[in-house]
C-alpha atoms as a PDB file:
ATOM      1  CA  MET A   1       0.059  -0.062  -0.114  1.00  0.00           C
ATOM      2  CA  ASN A   2       1.075   3.591  -0.784  1.00  0.00           C
ATOM      3  CA  ILE A   3       2.018   6.119   1.931  1.00  0.00           C
ATOM      4  CA  SER A   4      -1.209   7.695   1.724  1.00  0.00           C
ATOM      5  CA  ALA A   5      -3.180   4.279   2.362  1.00  0.00           C
ATOM      6  CA  ALA A   6      -0.949   3.734   5.313  1.00  0.00           C
ATOM      7  CA  ALA A   7      -1.245   7.209   6.536  1.00  0.00           C
ATOM      8  CA  ARG A   8      -5.077   6.754   6.329  1.00  0.00           C
ATOM      9  CA  ARG A   9      -5.219   3.258   8.256  1.00  0.00           C
ATOM     10  CA  SER A  10      -2.638   3.844  10.860  1.00  0.00           C
ATOM     11  CA  GLY A  11      -3.785   7.271  11.876  1.00  0.00           C
ATOM     12  CA  LEU A  12      -0.350   8.780  11.413  1.00  0.00           C
ATOM     13  CA  SER A  13       0.221  11.658   8.854  1.00  0.00           C
ATOM     14  CA  ALA A  14       2.536  10.796   5.761  1.00  0.00           C
ATOM     15  CA  LYS A  15       5.007  13.452   7.111  1.00  0.00           C
ATOM     16  CA  THR A  16       5.093  11.576  10.205  1.00  0.00           C
ATOM     17  CA  ILE A  17       5.739   8.300   8.508  1.00  0.00           C
ATOM     18  CA  ARG A  18       8.630   9.703   6.493  1.00  0.00           C
ATOM     19  CA  TYR A  19       9.990  11.204   9.681  1.00  0.00           C
ATOM     20  CA  TYR A  20       9.918   8.006  11.365  1.00  0.00           C
ATOM     21  CA  GLU A  21      11.661   6.506   8.371  1.00  0.00           C
ATOM     22  CA  SER A  22      14.167   9.013   8.354  1.00  0.00           C
ATOM     23  CA  ILE A  23      15.349   8.495  12.291  1.00  0.00           C
ATOM     24  CA  GLY A  24      15.274   4.827  11.870  1.00  0.00           C
ATOM     25  CA  LEU A  25      11.998   4.083  14.121  1.00  0.00           C
ATOM     26  CA  ILE A  26      10.812   1.955  11.312  1.00  0.00           C
ATOM     27  CA  GLU A  27      12.642   0.636   8.411  1.00  0.00           C
ATOM     28  CA  VAL A  28      12.251   2.614   5.071  1.00  0.00           C
ATOM     29  CA  ALA A  29       9.647   1.113   2.823  1.00  0.00           C
ATOM     30  CA  ALA A  30      10.355  -0.454  -0.242  1.00  0.00           C
ATOM     31  CA  ARG A  31       9.612   1.340  -3.412  1.00  0.00           C
ATOM     32  CA  GLY A  32       7.552  -0.117  -6.254  1.00  0.00           C
ATOM     33  CA  GLN A  33       8.031   0.088  -9.856  1.00  0.00           C
ATOM     34  CA  ASN A  34       6.388   3.475  -9.729  1.00  0.00           C
ATOM     35  CA  GLY A  35       8.974   4.664  -7.346  1.00  0.00           C
ATOM     36  CA  TYR A  36       6.205   5.050  -4.590  1.00  0.00           C
ATOM     37  CA  ARG A  37       6.648   3.528  -1.225  1.00  0.00           C
ATOM     38  CA  ASP A  38       5.119   0.447  -0.711  1.00  0.00           C
ATOM     39  CA  TYR A  39       4.169  -0.360   3.063  1.00  0.00           C
ATOM     40  CA  SER A  40       3.612  -4.102   3.588  1.00  0.00           C
ATOM     41  CA  ASP A  41       1.015  -5.081   6.434  1.00  0.00           C
ATOM     42  CA  ARG A  42       3.853  -5.894   8.782  1.00  0.00           C
ATOM     43  CA  GLN A  43       4.810  -2.458   8.499  1.00  0.00           C
ATOM     44  CA  LEU A  44       1.281  -1.084   8.650  1.00  0.00           C
ATOM     45  CA  ASP A  45       1.103  -2.980  12.043  1.00  0.00           C
ATOM     46  CA  LEU A  46       4.162  -1.092  13.480  1.00  0.00           C
ATOM     47  CA  LEU A  47       2.965   2.030  12.241  1.00  0.00           C
ATOM     48  CA  CYS A  48      -0.395   1.231  14.312  1.00  0.00           C
ATOM     49  CA  PHE A  49       1.479   0.115  17.279  1.00  0.00           C
ATOM     50  CA  LEU A  50       3.644   3.591  17.030  1.00  0.00           C
ATOM     51  CA  GLN A  51       0.468   5.811  16.502  1.00  0.00           C
ATOM     52  CA  ARG A  52      -1.029   3.871  19.871  1.00  0.00           C
ATOM     53  CA  ALA A  53       1.868   4.387  21.834  1.00  0.00           C
ATOM     54  CA  ARG A  54       2.351   8.131  21.001  1.00  0.00           C
ATOM     55  CA  ALA A  55      -1.296   8.856  21.403  1.00  0.00           C
ATOM     56  CA  THR A  56      -0.704   7.241  24.931  1.00  0.00           C
ATOM     57  CA  GLY A  57       2.005   9.843  25.685  1.00  0.00           C
ATOM     58  CA  PHE A  58       5.262   7.441  25.024  1.00  0.00           C
ATOM     59  CA  SER A  59       8.226   9.457  23.480  1.00  0.00           C
ATOM     60  CA  LEU A  60      10.038   8.601  20.552  1.00  0.00           C
ATOM     61  CA  GLN A  61      12.993   7.066  22.709  1.00  0.00           C
ATOM     62  CA  GLU A  62      10.321   5.338  24.514  1.00  0.00           C
ATOM     63  CA  CYS A  63       8.762   4.106  21.483  1.00  0.00           C
ATOM     64  CA  ARG A  64      12.130   2.848  20.151  1.00  0.00           C
ATOM     65  CA  GLN A  65      12.252   0.970  23.461  1.00  0.00           C
ATOM     66  CA  LEU A  66       8.624  -0.687  23.174  1.00  0.00           C
ATOM     67  CA  LEU A  67       9.187  -1.533  19.499  1.00  0.00           C
ATOM     68  CA  ARG A  68      12.267  -3.507  20.663  1.00  0.00           C
ATOM     69  CA  LEU A  69      10.293  -5.099  23.071  1.00  0.00           C
ATOM     70  CA  TYR A  70       7.562  -5.822  20.730  1.00  0.00           C
ATOM     71  CA  ARG A  71       9.762  -7.526  18.331  1.00  0.00           C
ATOM     72  CA  ASP A  72      11.331  -9.429  21.194  1.00  0.00           C
ATOM     73  CA  THR A  73       9.186 -12.642  21.569  1.00  0.00           C
ATOM     74  CA  GLY A  74      11.687 -13.289  24.784  1.00  0.00           C
ATOM     75  CA  ARG A  75      10.578 -10.426  26.372  1.00  0.00           C
ATOM     76  CA  HIS A  76       9.803 -10.362  30.034  1.00  0.00           C
ATOM     77  CA  SER A  77       6.190  -8.212  30.435  1.00  0.00           C
ATOM     78  CA  ALA A  78       7.846  -7.109  33.745  1.00  0.00           C
ATOM     79  CA  HIS A  79      10.103  -4.773  31.817  1.00  0.00           C
ATOM     80  CA  VAL A  80       6.945  -3.364  29.871  1.00  0.00           C
ATOM     81  CA  LYS A  81       4.691  -2.932  32.978  1.00  0.00           C
ATOM     82  CA  SER A  82       7.903  -1.247  34.463  1.00  0.00           C
ATOM     83  CA  MET A  83       8.095   1.175  31.749  1.00  0.00           C
ATOM     84  CA  VAL A  84       4.349   1.727  31.895  1.00  0.00           C
ATOM     85  CA  LEU A  85       4.277   2.521  35.432  1.00  0.00           C
ATOM     86  CA  GLU A  86       7.203   4.804  35.105  1.00  0.00           C
ATOM     87  CA  LYS A  87       4.921   6.949  32.694  1.00  0.00           C
ATOM     88  CA  VAL A  88       2.020   6.789  35.205  1.00  0.00           C
ATOM     89  CA  ALA A  89       4.033   8.314  37.819  1.00  0.00           C
ATOM     90  CA  ARG A  90       5.320  10.864  35.258  1.00  0.00           C
ATOM     91  CA  VAL A  91       1.846  11.741  34.328  1.00  0.00           C
ATOM     92  CA  ASP A  92       0.635  11.779  38.196  1.00  0.00           C
ATOM     93  CA  ALA A  93       3.209  14.470  38.378  1.00  0.00           C
ATOM     94  CA  GLN A  94       2.403  16.336  35.589  1.00  0.00           C
ATOM     95  CA  LEU A  95      -1.420  16.243  36.904  1.00  0.00           C
ATOM     96  CA  ARG A  96      -0.352  17.552  40.248  1.00  0.00           C
ATOM     97  CA  GLU A  97       1.513  20.455  38.522  1.00  0.00           C
ATOM     98  CA  LEU A  98      -1.419  21.382  36.196  1.00  0.00           C
ATOM     99  CA  GLN A  99      -3.807  21.336  39.291  1.00  0.00           C
ATOM    100  CA  ALA A 100      -1.270  23.636  40.928  1.00  0.00           C
ATOM    101  CA  MET A 101      -1.636  26.075  38.114  1.00  0.00           C
ATOM    102  CA  ARG A 102      -5.196  25.675  37.993  1.00  0.00           C
ATOM    103  CA  ASP A 103      -5.479  26.498  41.704  1.00  0.00           C
ATOM    104  CA  THR A 104      -3.611  29.653  41.192  1.00  0.00           C
ATOM    105  CA  LEU A 105      -5.414  30.892  38.342  1.00  0.00           C
ATOM    106  CA  VAL A 106      -8.591  30.453  40.020  1.00  0.00           C
ATOM    107  CA  ASN A 107      -7.093  32.267  43.030  1.00  0.00           C
ATOM    108  CA  MET A 108      -5.980  35.094  40.595  1.00  0.00           C
ATOM    109  CA  ALA A 109      -9.240  35.396  38.972  1.00  0.00           C
ATOM    110  CA  GLY A 110     -10.901  35.467  42.375  1.00  0.00           C
ATOM    111  CA  ARG A 111      -9.194  38.342  43.444  1.00  0.00           C
ATOM    112  CA  CYS A 112      -9.892  40.371  40.142  1.00  0.00           C
ATOM    113  CA  ALA A 113     -12.873  43.009  40.089  1.00  0.00           C
ATOM    114  CA  GLY A 114     -13.063  42.130  36.276  1.00  0.00           C
ATOM    115  CA  ASP A 115     -15.005  45.657  35.658  1.00  0.00           C
ATOM    116  CA  GLU A 116     -14.276  48.511  33.651  1.00  0.00           C
ATOM    117  CA  GLY A 117     -11.548  50.104  35.922  1.00  0.00           C
ATOM    118  CA  PRO A 118      -8.052  49.902  34.944  1.00  0.00           C
ATOM    119  CA  HIS A 119      -6.734  48.047  38.301  1.00  0.00           C
ATOM    120  CA  CYS A 120      -6.276  44.205  37.798  1.00  0.00           C
ATOM    121  CA  ALA A 121      -5.152  42.058  40.752  1.00  0.00           C
ATOM    122  CA  ILE A 122      -3.763  39.529  38.102  1.00  0.00           C
ATOM    123  CA  ILE A 123      -1.603  42.128  36.274  1.00  0.00           C
ATOM    124  CA  ASP A 124      -0.302  43.413  39.637  1.00  0.00           C
ATOM    125  CA  GLU A 125       0.300  39.562  40.778  1.00  0.00           C
ATOM    126  CA  LEU A 126       1.997  38.582  37.529  1.00  0.00           C
ATOM    127  CA  ALA A 127       4.183  41.818  37.835  1.00  0.00           C
ATOM    128  CA  GLN A 128       5.060  41.648  41.488  1.00  0.00           C
ATOM    129  CA  GLY A 129       5.057  37.777  41.453  1.00  0.00           C
ATOM    130  CA  HIS A 130       3.576  37.402  45.119  1.00  0.00           C
ATOM    131  CA  GLY A 131       0.180  36.469  46.762  1.00  0.00           C
ATOM    132  CA  GLY A 132      -0.759  33.170  45.684  1.00  0.00           C
ATOM    133  CA  ALA A 133      -0.610  29.488  45.546  1.00  0.00           C
ATOM    134  CA  GLY A 134       1.592  28.064  43.002  1.00  0.00           C
ATOM    135  CA  ASN A 135       4.099  31.044  43.531  1.00  0.00           C
ATOM    136  CA  THR A 136       7.166  28.656  42.913  1.00  0.00           C
ATOM    137  CA  PRO A 137       8.098  28.624  39.463  1.00  0.00           C
ATOM    138  CA  GLY A 138       7.467  25.513  37.843  1.00  0.00           C
ATOM    139  CA  PRO A 139      10.216  23.340  35.761  1.00  0.00           C
ATOM    140  CA  HIS A 140       9.548  25.518  32.674  1.00  0.00           C
ATOM    141  CA  GLN A 141       9.608  28.753  34.073  1.00  0.00           C
ATOM    142  CA  ARG A 142      13.044  28.149  36.441  1.00  0.00           C
ATOM    143  CA  GLY A 143      16.072  30.341  35.762  1.00  0.00           C
ATOM    144  CA  ARG A 144      13.864  32.848  33.563  1.00  0.00           C
ATOM    145  CA  THR A 145      13.923  36.240  34.027  1.00  0.00           C
ATOM    146  CA  LEU A 146      11.316  39.157  33.497  1.00  0.00           C
END
């Protein structure tokens, strides 16, 4: 099947499939006599596997590991489970950070009159950097200066 059909059936874009080939995540598809990529059913299975893994939040490096495990019939399911549990722990940490961010935003909104006047407690707090939960910079903010 050509790249358009593989993309449609896997849920990945043709650009993503070409990228996965370029970084060696999947093997480069054979070319048909017409010069177009020709994907086998096996390659389509791998593309679907990657689409599901990426949709679940696995990084490209993690996908590389998962593909190795997928291809290894002697794999230990304990290793796969360990990878998933590590991912769960990272998702839980992200959820805590998002909840703290949400709490800060709700707190800020609660202190703002939200009327037609120019004074805004939200702007004041952002400018001064104090006065609410979540005042500690997150990992994406550390080291930044205003």
